[in-house]
Amino acid sequence: MKKIKNILALCAAALLLTNCRGPDSDTSPFVGQVEFTAKVMGVESGGTMTIDAEDQKITYRVDALKDFLGMDMVVMLDLKEMMSYSISPKDKIYTKVKIDRKDMKGELPSKKEIDEMRKEIFSKLKATGKEQTISGYTCEEHEIIEKIEGVEDTKIWFSKSFLDRISPMWYAFSEIKELDIDDMLIGFPMKAEGKGFTFEVTKITEGKEATNDLDLSGYKELNKMEFMMKIMKDSPMGDMLDQFEGIEGITEQLENLDALKDIDVNLEKINDLMEQFN
């Protein structure tokens, strides 16, 4: 589990990298959709990112949620309005929460953490001098020359031109500009290959017509609890939920389950937990 976490952390850090001589001369903010595939520890999946760098919106859809949990869910960030959305395209419903700018600033790395990233990650990631065209972008190949927290023998291909096109969305925030990380900007990770995992951007579609994930016209807004109950009920977990008449009856049903008669169930704590979702 730690290795998977380190792999994901490395790919996230890679979003801060840049040095690819892509053939594209287009420097306009990117508007469109990115499709990708991934394989981790033998499990294959994929997903999409829909990006509108002009309007500062981005959505993430990871197929693994649907493949393994039966939940078709998209997460959208609207950085202009500072809102976070959870969306179910199948059910045409969504729920939203305001993004606290102070909380977001608190999630940014400190100067000390950035210096540690330079030392622990970027100093061990070197360009090989080789290039590869991926989804239309010419990217520079990098390799990890020294093990980074369990991740080794890994190659990553970066595109500077694509990262430059989505950067306006992030650099609208002065807090990010003040991080002083220009030396760490080597490109958008278009492909990665390592022990036990692969990742690759397989298709990039440009244009407003490819950004349907960003349009909530015709969708119904629900509160957080209603939204989660709806998508869970339509998933394999729905069979379990059907045993209960509603949230109010869950604790009563728990009292009657023979399987729990020898377990010390604190019903007050369960009620308190449920109230937190309302």
C-alpha atoms as a PDB file:
ATOM      1  CA  MET A   1       0.000   0.000   0.000  1.00  0.00           C
ATOM      2  CA  LYS A   2       2.878   2.370   0.819  1.00  0.00           C
ATOM      3  CA  LYS A   3       4.425   1.697  -2.596  1.00  0.00           C
ATOM      4  CA  ILE A   4       1.175   2.641  -4.370  1.00  0.00           C
ATOM      5  CA  LYS A   5       1.008   5.814  -2.290  1.00  0.00           C
ATOM      6  CA  ASN A   6       4.582   6.685  -3.231  1.00  0.00           C
ATOM      7  CA  ILE A   7       3.880   6.064  -6.922  1.00  0.00           C
ATOM      8  CA  LEU A   8       0.849   8.371  -6.813  1.00  0.00           C
ATOM      9  CA  ALA A   9       2.848  10.984  -4.898  1.00  0.00           C
ATOM     10  CA  LEU A  10       5.575  10.825  -7.546  1.00  0.00           C
ATOM     11  CA  CYS A  11       3.067  11.308 -10.366  1.00  0.00           C
ATOM     12  CA  ALA A  12       1.502  14.222  -8.478  1.00  0.00           C
ATOM     13  CA  ALA A  13       4.924  15.776  -7.985  1.00  0.00           C
ATOM     14  CA  ALA A  14       5.548  15.269 -11.683  1.00  0.00           C
ATOM     15  CA  LEU A  15       2.798  17.769 -12.431  1.00  0.00           C
ATOM     16  CA  LEU A  16       5.261  20.371 -11.187  1.00  0.00           C
ATOM     17  CA  LEU A  17       7.974  19.409 -13.741  1.00  0.00           C
ATOM     18  CA  THR A  18       8.933  20.923 -17.243  1.00  0.00           C
ATOM     19  CA  ASN A  19      11.465  20.756 -20.138  1.00  0.00           C
ATOM     20  CA  CYS A  20       9.896  19.319 -23.298  1.00  0.00           C
ATOM     21  CA  ARG A  21      10.434  20.729 -26.780  1.00  0.00           C
ATOM     22  CA  GLY A  22       6.973  19.953 -28.129  1.00  0.00           C
ATOM     23  CA  PRO A  23       6.292  20.722 -31.789  1.00  0.00           C
ATOM     24  CA  ASP A  24       3.081  22.619 -30.998  1.00  0.00           C
ATOM     25  CA  SER A  25       3.197  26.335 -31.447  1.00  0.00           C
ATOM     26  CA  ASP A  26      -0.231  26.715 -29.831  1.00  0.00           C
ATOM     27  CA  THR A  27       0.187  28.610 -26.562  1.00  0.00           C
ATOM     28  CA  SER A  28      -3.517  29.325 -25.933  1.00  0.00           C
ATOM     29  CA  PRO A  29      -5.084  28.096 -22.655  1.00  0.00           C
ATOM     30  CA  PHE A  30      -6.153  24.478 -23.065  1.00  0.00           C
ATOM     31  CA  VAL A  31      -9.874  23.684 -23.341  1.00  0.00           C
ATOM     32  CA  GLY A  32     -10.759  20.031 -23.868  1.00  0.00           C
ATOM     33  CA  GLN A  33     -10.435  16.511 -22.485  1.00  0.00           C
ATOM     34  CA  VAL A  34      -7.498  14.248 -21.639  1.00  0.00           C
ATOM     35  CA  GLU A  35      -7.982  10.457 -21.587  1.00  0.00           C
ATOM     36  CA  PHE A  36      -5.535   8.177 -19.792  1.00  0.00           C
ATOM     37  CA  THR A  37      -4.956   4.551 -18.854  1.00  0.00           C
ATOM     38  CA  ALA A  38      -3.166   3.193 -15.801  1.00  0.00           C
ATOM     39  CA  LYS A  39      -2.069  -0.182 -14.464  1.00  0.00           C
ATOM     40  CA  VAL A  40      -1.031  -0.582 -10.824  1.00  0.00           C
ATOM     41  CA  MET A  41      -0.029  -3.933  -9.317  1.00  0.00           C
ATOM     42  CA  GLY A  42      -1.681  -5.783 -12.218  1.00  0.00           C
ATOM     43  CA  VAL A  43      -4.978  -3.867 -11.998  1.00  0.00           C
ATOM     44  CA  GLU A  44      -5.895  -1.941 -15.148  1.00  0.00           C
ATOM     45  CA  SER A  45      -8.093   1.127 -15.203  1.00  0.00           C
ATOM     46  CA  GLY A  46      -8.287   4.572 -16.771  1.00  0.00           C
ATOM     47  CA  GLY A  47     -10.110   7.848 -16.656  1.00  0.00           C
ATOM     48  CA  THR A  48     -10.443  11.362 -17.994  1.00  0.00           C
ATOM     49  CA  MET A  49      -9.570  14.929 -17.082  1.00  0.00           C
ATOM     50  CA  THR A  50     -11.702  17.688 -18.560  1.00  0.00           C
ATOM     51  CA  ILE A  51      -9.927  21.034 -18.452  1.00  0.00           C
ATOM     52  CA  ASP A  52     -11.013  24.596 -19.201  1.00  0.00           C
ATOM     53  CA  ALA A  53      -7.943  26.679 -18.389  1.00  0.00           C
ATOM     54  CA  GLU A  54      -9.744  29.825 -19.530  1.00  0.00           C
ATOM     55  CA  ASP A  55     -12.673  29.409 -17.136  1.00  0.00           C
ATOM     56  CA  GLN A  56     -10.496  27.733 -14.454  1.00  0.00           C
ATOM     57  CA  LYS A  57     -12.470  24.495 -14.244  1.00  0.00           C
ATOM     58  CA  ILE A  58     -11.252  20.904 -14.164  1.00  0.00           C
ATOM     59  CA  THR A  59     -12.950  17.519 -13.653  1.00  0.00           C
ATOM     60  CA  TYR A  60     -11.508  14.110 -12.794  1.00  0.00           C
ATOM     61  CA  ARG A  61     -13.161  10.803 -13.608  1.00  0.00           C
ATOM     62  CA  VAL A  62     -11.413   7.592 -12.486  1.00  0.00           C
ATOM     63  CA  ASP A  63     -12.890   4.434 -13.987  1.00  0.00           C
ATOM     64  CA  ALA A  64     -11.767   2.341 -11.003  1.00  0.00           C
ATOM     65  CA  LEU A  65     -14.618   3.796  -8.920  1.00  0.00           C
ATOM     66  CA  LYS A  66     -17.108   2.444 -11.422  1.00  0.00           C
ATOM     67  CA  ASP A  67     -15.246  -0.774 -12.218  1.00  0.00           C
ATOM     68  CA  PHE A  68     -14.725  -1.905  -8.629  1.00  0.00           C
ATOM     69  CA  LEU A  69     -17.323  -0.020  -6.562  1.00  0.00           C
ATOM     70  CA  GLY A  70     -20.043   0.507  -9.149  1.00  0.00           C
ATOM     71  CA  MET A  71     -20.012   4.274  -8.559  1.00  0.00           C
ATOM     72  CA  ASP A  72     -19.983   6.528 -11.625  1.00  0.00           C
ATOM     73  CA  MET A  73     -18.716   9.736 -10.064  1.00  0.00           C
ATOM     74  CA  VAL A  74     -16.876  12.814 -11.331  1.00  0.00           C
ATOM     75  CA  VAL A  75     -15.116  15.405  -9.189  1.00  0.00           C
ATOM     76  CA  MET A  76     -15.041  18.991 -10.461  1.00  0.00           C
ATOM     77  CA  LEU A  77     -13.112  22.001  -9.176  1.00  0.00           C
ATOM     78  CA  ASP A  78     -14.302  25.479 -10.146  1.00  0.00           C
ATOM     79  CA  LEU A  79     -11.345  27.646  -9.129  1.00  0.00           C
ATOM     80  CA  LYS A  80     -12.979  30.872 -10.278  1.00  0.00           C
ATOM     81  CA  GLU A  81     -16.017  30.403  -8.028  1.00  0.00           C
ATOM     82  CA  MET A  82     -14.006  28.407  -5.445  1.00  0.00           C
ATOM     83  CA  MET A  83     -16.426  25.466  -5.438  1.00  0.00           C
ATOM     84  CA  SER A  84     -15.875  21.695  -5.349  1.00  0.00           C
ATOM     85  CA  TYR A  85     -18.475  19.407  -6.947  1.00  0.00           C
ATOM     86  CA  SER A  86     -19.196  15.677  -6.748  1.00  0.00           C
ATOM     87  CA  ILE A  87     -21.214  14.650  -9.814  1.00  0.00           C
ATOM     88  CA  SER A  88     -23.074  11.525 -10.911  1.00  0.00           C
ATOM     89  CA  PRO A  89     -23.540  11.747 -14.716  1.00  0.00           C
ATOM     90  CA  LYS A  90     -25.700   8.602 -14.752  1.00  0.00           C
ATOM     91  CA  ASP A  91     -28.190   9.962 -12.223  1.00  0.00           C
ATOM     92  CA  LYS A  92     -27.883  13.622 -13.324  1.00  0.00           C
ATOM     93  CA  ILE A  93     -27.268  14.758  -9.751  1.00  0.00           C
ATOM     94  CA  TYR A  94     -24.515  16.652  -7.937  1.00  0.00           C
ATOM     95  CA  THR A  95     -23.547  18.086  -4.582  1.00  0.00           C
ATOM     96  CA  LYS A  96     -21.195  20.988  -3.954  1.00  0.00           C
ATOM     97  CA  VAL A  97     -19.147  22.554  -1.184  1.00  0.00           C
ATOM     98  CA  LYS A  98     -17.357  25.894  -0.948  1.00  0.00           C
ATOM     99  CA  ILE A  99     -13.564  25.748  -1.098  1.00  0.00           C
ATOM    100  CA  ASP A 100     -12.030  27.676   1.789  1.00  0.00           C
ATOM    101  CA  ARG A 101      -9.088  29.651   0.434  1.00  0.00           C
ATOM    102  CA  LYS A 102      -7.361  29.547   3.805  1.00  0.00           C
ATOM    103  CA  ASP A 103      -7.674  25.761   3.892  1.00  0.00           C
ATOM    104  CA  MET A 104      -6.351  25.511   0.332  1.00  0.00           C
ATOM    105  CA  LYS A 105      -3.380  27.696   1.228  1.00  0.00           C
ATOM    106  CA  GLY A 106      -2.725  25.428   4.198  1.00  0.00           C
ATOM    107  CA  GLU A 107      -2.521  22.431   1.831  1.00  0.00           C
ATOM    108  CA  LEU A 108       0.306  24.007  -0.188  1.00  0.00           C
ATOM    109  CA  PRO A 109       3.816  22.783   0.634  1.00  0.00           C
ATOM    110  CA  SER A 110       6.026  24.885   2.888  1.00  0.00           C
ATOM    111  CA  LYS A 111       9.436  26.202   1.805  1.00  0.00           C
ATOM    112  CA  LYS A 112      11.026  23.397   3.821  1.00  0.00           C
ATOM    113  CA  GLU A 113       8.863  20.767   2.106  1.00  0.00           C
ATOM    114  CA  ILE A 114       9.708  22.204  -1.328  1.00  0.00           C
ATOM    115  CA  ASP A 115      13.419  22.074  -0.509  1.00  0.00           C
ATOM    116  CA  GLU A 116      12.974  18.435   0.558  1.00  0.00           C
ATOM    117  CA  MET A 117      11.225  17.677  -2.764  1.00  0.00           C
ATOM    118  CA  ARG A 118      14.163  19.204  -4.634  1.00  0.00           C
ATOM    119  CA  LYS A 119      16.535  16.980  -2.702  1.00  0.00           C
ATOM    120  CA  GLU A 120      14.530  13.758  -2.501  1.00  0.00           C
ATOM    121  CA  ILE A 121      12.789  13.727  -5.903  1.00  0.00           C
ATOM    122  CA  PHE A 122      13.998  16.236  -8.450  1.00  0.00           C
ATOM    123  CA  SER A 123      17.690  15.678  -7.819  1.00  0.00           C
ATOM    124  CA  LYS A 124      17.157  11.980  -8.604  1.00  0.00           C
ATOM    125  CA  LEU A 125      15.179  12.557 -11.806  1.00  0.00           C
ATOM    126  CA  LYS A 126      17.399  13.087 -14.846  1.00  0.00           C
ATOM    127  CA  ALA A 127      16.774  13.686 -18.559  1.00  0.00           C
ATOM    128  CA  THR A 128      18.001  10.905 -20.864  1.00  0.00           C
ATOM    129  CA  GLY A 129      18.171  13.068 -23.987  1.00  0.00           C
ATOM    130  CA  LYS A 130      15.562  10.889 -25.732  1.00  0.00           C
ATOM    131  CA  GLU A 131      12.185  12.101 -27.009  1.00  0.00           C
ATOM    132  CA  GLN A 132       8.845  10.475 -27.773  1.00  0.00           C
ATOM    133  CA  THR A 133       5.636  11.803 -29.328  1.00  0.00           C
ATOM    134  CA  ILE A 134       2.631  11.096 -27.108  1.00  0.00           C
ATOM    135  CA  SER A 135      -0.883  12.193 -28.098  1.00  0.00           C
ATOM    136  CA  GLY A 136       0.594  14.738 -30.466  1.00  0.00           C
ATOM    137  CA  TYR A 137       3.108  16.245 -28.042  1.00  0.00           C
ATOM    138  CA  THR A 138       6.864  15.687 -28.334  1.00  0.00           C
ATOM    139  CA  CYS A 139       8.077  14.921 -24.823  1.00  0.00           C
ATOM    140  CA  GLU A 140      11.405  14.485 -23.125  1.00  0.00           C
ATOM    141  CA  GLU A 141      12.206  11.219 -21.384  1.00  0.00           C
ATOM    142  CA  HIS A 142      13.407  11.291 -17.756  1.00  0.00           C
ATOM    143  CA  GLU A 143      14.458   8.437 -15.519  1.00  0.00           C
ATOM    144  CA  ILE A 144      14.818   7.928 -11.790  1.00  0.00           C
ATOM    145  CA  ILE A 145      18.521   7.349 -11.184  1.00  0.00           C
ATOM    146  CA  GLU A 146      18.159   6.543  -7.491  1.00  0.00           C
ATOM    147  CA  LYS A 147      15.388   4.881  -5.488  1.00  0.00           C
ATOM    148  CA  ILE A 148      12.773   7.325  -4.181  1.00  0.00           C
ATOM    149  CA  GLU A 149      10.881   5.830  -1.219  1.00  0.00           C
ATOM    150  CA  GLY A 150      10.458   2.425  -2.843  1.00  0.00           C
ATOM    151  CA  VAL A 151       9.979   3.691  -6.410  1.00  0.00           C
ATOM    152  CA  GLU A 152      12.833   2.773  -8.760  1.00  0.00           C
ATOM    153  CA  ASP A 153      13.659   1.784 -12.352  1.00  0.00           C
ATOM    154  CA  THR A 154      11.065   4.286 -13.574  1.00  0.00           C
ATOM    155  CA  LYS A 155      10.897   6.392 -16.722  1.00  0.00           C
ATOM    156  CA  ILE A 156       8.585   9.396 -17.134  1.00  0.00           C
ATOM    157  CA  TRP A 157       7.904  11.423 -20.285  1.00  0.00           C
ATOM    158  CA  PHE A 158       7.039  15.118 -19.794  1.00  0.00           C
ATOM    159  CA  SER A 159       5.464  17.762 -22.016  1.00  0.00           C
ATOM    160  CA  LYS A 160       6.275  21.399 -21.266  1.00  0.00           C
ATOM    161  CA  SER A 161       4.058  22.756 -24.007  1.00  0.00           C
ATOM    162  CA  PHE A 162       0.971  21.039 -22.576  1.00  0.00           C
ATOM    163  CA  LEU A 163       1.770  22.098 -19.013  1.00  0.00           C
ATOM    164  CA  ASP A 164       2.228  25.684 -20.223  1.00  0.00           C
ATOM    165  CA  ARG A 165      -1.269  25.592 -21.703  1.00  0.00           C
ATOM    166  CA  ILE A 166      -2.967  24.516 -18.466  1.00  0.00           C
ATOM    167  CA  SER A 167      -0.770  26.596 -16.127  1.00  0.00           C
ATOM    168  CA  PRO A 168      -2.926  29.779 -16.323  1.00  0.00           C
ATOM    169  CA  MET A 169      -5.568  27.915 -14.338  1.00  0.00           C
ATOM    170  CA  TRP A 170      -3.226  27.410 -11.375  1.00  0.00           C
ATOM    171  CA  TYR A 171      -1.191  30.601 -11.609  1.00  0.00           C
ATOM    172  CA  ALA A 172      -4.334  32.681 -11.121  1.00  0.00           C
ATOM    173  CA  PHE A 173      -3.541  32.160  -7.428  1.00  0.00           C
ATOM    174  CA  SER A 174      -0.819  34.388  -6.016  1.00  0.00           C
ATOM    175  CA  GLU A 175      -0.109  31.748  -3.342  1.00  0.00           C
ATOM    176  CA  ILE A 176       1.127  29.337  -6.027  1.00  0.00           C
ATOM    177  CA  LYS A 177       3.201  31.995  -7.765  1.00  0.00           C
ATOM    178  CA  GLU A 178       4.902  32.737  -4.450  1.00  0.00           C
ATOM    179  CA  LEU A 179       6.097  29.134  -4.004  1.00  0.00           C
ATOM    180  CA  ASP A 180       9.268  29.803  -6.044  1.00  0.00           C
ATOM    181  CA  ILE A 181       9.212  26.472  -7.885  1.00  0.00           C
ATOM    182  CA  ASP A 182      10.105  27.564 -11.419  1.00  0.00           C
ATOM    183  CA  ASP A 183      13.221  25.383 -11.359  1.00  0.00           C
ATOM    184  CA  MET A 184      11.010  22.354 -10.647  1.00  0.00           C
ATOM    185  CA  LEU A 185       8.642  22.909 -13.568  1.00  0.00           C
ATOM    186  CA  ILE A 186       9.710  20.262 -16.084  1.00  0.00           C
ATOM    187  CA  GLY A 187       6.344  19.354 -17.687  1.00  0.00           C
ATOM    188  CA  PHE A 188       3.059  17.487 -17.599  1.00  0.00           C
ATOM    189  CA  PRO A 189       3.543  13.692 -17.162  1.00  0.00           C
ATOM    190  CA  MET A 190       2.251  12.138 -20.377  1.00  0.00           C
ATOM    191  CA  LYS A 191       3.573   8.627 -19.719  1.00  0.00           C
ATOM    192  CA  ALA A 192       5.275   6.648 -16.942  1.00  0.00           C
ATOM    193  CA  GLU A 193       6.665   3.112 -16.747  1.00  0.00           C
ATOM    194  CA  GLY A 194       8.031   1.477 -13.626  1.00  0.00           C
ATOM    195  CA  LYS A 195       8.029  -1.661 -11.506  1.00  0.00           C
ATOM    196  CA  GLY A 196       4.401  -2.626 -10.940  1.00  0.00           C
ATOM    197  CA  PHE A 197       2.794   0.364 -12.648  1.00  0.00           C
ATOM    198  CA  THR A 198       2.251   2.193 -15.944  1.00  0.00           C
ATOM    199  CA  PHE A 199       0.436   5.392 -16.886  1.00  0.00           C
ATOM    200  CA  GLU A 200      -0.168   6.981 -20.278  1.00  0.00           C
ATOM    201  CA  VAL A 201      -2.201   9.785 -21.791  1.00  0.00           C
ATOM    202  CA  THR A 202      -3.895   8.032 -24.715  1.00  0.00           C
ATOM    203  CA  LYS A 203      -5.956  10.813 -26.299  1.00  0.00           C
ATOM    204  CA  ILE A 204      -6.309  14.589 -26.122  1.00  0.00           C
ATOM    205  CA  THR A 205      -9.429  16.188 -27.601  1.00  0.00           C
ATOM    206  CA  GLU A 206      -9.606  19.970 -27.875  1.00  0.00           C
ATOM    207  CA  GLY A 207     -12.645  22.236 -28.021  1.00  0.00           C
ATOM    208  CA  LYS A 208     -15.683  23.185 -25.942  1.00  0.00           C
ATOM    209  CA  GLU A 209     -17.596  20.202 -27.341  1.00  0.00           C
ATOM    210  CA  ALA A 210     -15.244  17.925 -25.360  1.00  0.00           C
ATOM    211  CA  THR A 211     -16.056  19.589 -22.031  1.00  0.00           C
ATOM    212  CA  ASN A 212     -19.505  18.138 -21.336  1.00  0.00           C
ATOM    213  CA  ASP A 213     -18.360  17.058 -17.863  1.00  0.00           C
ATOM    214  CA  LEU A 214     -18.215  20.747 -16.931  1.00  0.00           C
ATOM    215  CA  ASP A 215     -21.857  21.444 -17.860  1.00  0.00           C
ATOM    216  CA  LEU A 216     -24.365  20.805 -15.063  1.00  0.00           C
ATOM    217  CA  SER A 217     -27.412  22.006 -17.010  1.00  0.00           C
ATOM    218  CA  GLY A 218     -30.311  19.668 -16.275  1.00  0.00           C
ATOM    219  CA  TYR A 219     -28.649  18.240 -13.164  1.00  0.00           C
ATOM    220  CA  LYS A 220     -30.350  18.261  -9.757  1.00  0.00           C
ATOM    221  CA  GLU A 221     -28.493  19.509  -6.697  1.00  0.00           C
ATOM    222  CA  LEU A 222     -28.661  17.332  -3.555  1.00  0.00           C
ATOM    223  CA  ASN A 223     -27.118  17.715  -0.124  1.00  0.00           C
ATOM    224  CA  LYS A 224     -24.073  15.567   0.657  1.00  0.00           C
ATOM    225  CA  MET A 225     -25.970  12.812   2.429  1.00  0.00           C
ATOM    226  CA  GLU A 226     -28.684  12.544  -0.238  1.00  0.00           C
ATOM    227  CA  PHE A 227     -26.038  12.384  -2.958  1.00  0.00           C
ATOM    228  CA  MET A 228     -24.003   9.637  -1.281  1.00  0.00           C
ATOM    229  CA  MET A 229     -27.078   7.569  -0.460  1.00  0.00           C
ATOM    230  CA  LYS A 230     -28.265   7.799  -4.078  1.00  0.00           C
ATOM    231  CA  ILE A 231     -25.005   6.699  -5.737  1.00  0.00           C
ATOM    232  CA  MET A 232     -24.436   4.001  -3.103  1.00  0.00           C
ATOM    233  CA  LYS A 233     -27.961   2.631  -3.596  1.00  0.00           C
ATOM    234  CA  ASP A 234     -27.294   2.239  -7.320  1.00  0.00           C
ATOM    235  CA  SER A 235     -24.026   0.423  -6.601  1.00  0.00           C
ATOM    236  CA  PRO A 236     -23.415  -3.104  -5.233  1.00  0.00           C
ATOM    237  CA  MET A 237     -23.695  -1.549  -1.779  1.00  0.00           C
ATOM    238  CA  GLY A 238     -27.348  -0.878  -2.546  1.00  0.00           C
ATOM    239  CA  ASP A 239     -28.346  -4.406  -1.571  1.00  0.00           C
ATOM    240  CA  MET A 240     -27.109  -3.711   1.927  1.00  0.00           C
ATOM    241  CA  LEU A 241     -28.876  -0.369   2.097  1.00  0.00           C
ATOM    242  CA  ASP A 242     -32.159  -1.962   1.001  1.00  0.00           C
ATOM    243  CA  GLN A 243     -32.244  -3.788   4.337  1.00  0.00           C
ATOM    244  CA  PHE A 244     -32.792  -0.498   6.072  1.00  0.00           C
ATOM    245  CA  GLU A 245     -35.852   1.734   5.850  1.00  0.00           C
ATOM    246  CA  GLY A 246     -33.797   4.893   6.014  1.00  0.00           C
ATOM    247  CA  ILE A 247     -30.984   6.566   7.864  1.00  0.00           C
ATOM    248  CA  GLU A 248     -33.173   6.976  10.937  1.00  0.00           C
ATOM    249  CA  GLY A 249     -33.717   3.225  11.119  1.00  0.00           C
ATOM    250  CA  ILE A 250     -30.143   2.054  10.721  1.00  0.00           C
ATOM    251  CA  THR A 251     -29.285   2.021  14.428  1.00  0.00           C
ATOM    252  CA  GLU A 252     -32.530   0.203  15.231  1.00  0.00           C
ATOM    253  CA  GLN A 253     -31.712  -2.464  12.641  1.00  0.00           C
ATOM    254  CA  LEU A 254     -28.194  -2.821  14.029  1.00  0.00           C
ATOM    255  CA  GLU A 255     -29.637  -3.679  17.413  1.00  0.00           C
ATOM    256  CA  ASN A 256     -31.572  -6.567  15.869  1.00  0.00           C
ATOM    257  CA  LEU A 257     -28.739  -8.138  13.854  1.00  0.00           C
ATOM    258  CA  ASP A 258     -27.727 -11.455  15.441  1.00  0.00           C
ATOM    259  CA  ALA A 259     -24.238 -11.064  14.038  1.00  0.00           C
ATOM    260  CA  LEU A 260     -23.712  -8.005  16.249  1.00  0.00           C
ATOM    261  CA  LYS A 261     -25.172  -9.326  19.487  1.00  0.00           C
ATOM    262  CA  ASP A 262     -21.730 -10.029  20.930  1.00  0.00           C
ATOM    263  CA  ILE A 263     -20.277  -6.703  19.763  1.00  0.00           C
ATOM    264  CA  ASP A 264     -20.336  -3.609  21.925  1.00  0.00           C
ATOM    265  CA  VAL A 265     -22.115  -1.142  19.617  1.00  0.00           C
ATOM    266  CA  ASN A 266     -22.169   2.468  20.824  1.00  0.00           C
ATOM    267  CA  LEU A 267     -25.435   3.674  19.275  1.00  0.00           C
ATOM    268  CA  GLU A 268     -24.945   7.249  20.467  1.00  0.00           C
ATOM    269  CA  LYS A 269     -21.660   7.485  18.557  1.00  0.00           C
ATOM    270  CA  ILE A 270     -23.337   6.059  15.449  1.00  0.00           C
ATOM    271  CA  ASN A 271     -26.093   8.670  15.685  1.00  0.00           C
ATOM    272  CA  ASP A 272     -23.502  11.428  16.150  1.00  0.00           C
ATOM    273  CA  LEU A 273     -21.661  10.201  13.057  1.00  0.00           C
ATOM    274  CA  MET A 274     -24.819  10.233  10.948  1.00  0.00           C
ATOM    275  CA  GLU A 275     -25.683  13.765  12.104  1.00  0.00           C
ATOM    276  CA  GLN A 276     -22.336  15.011  10.797  1.00  0.00           C
ATOM    277  CA  PHE A 277     -23.470  14.223   7.233  1.00  0.00           C
ATOM    278  CA  ASN A 278     -26.630  16.358   7.531  1.00  0.00           C
END
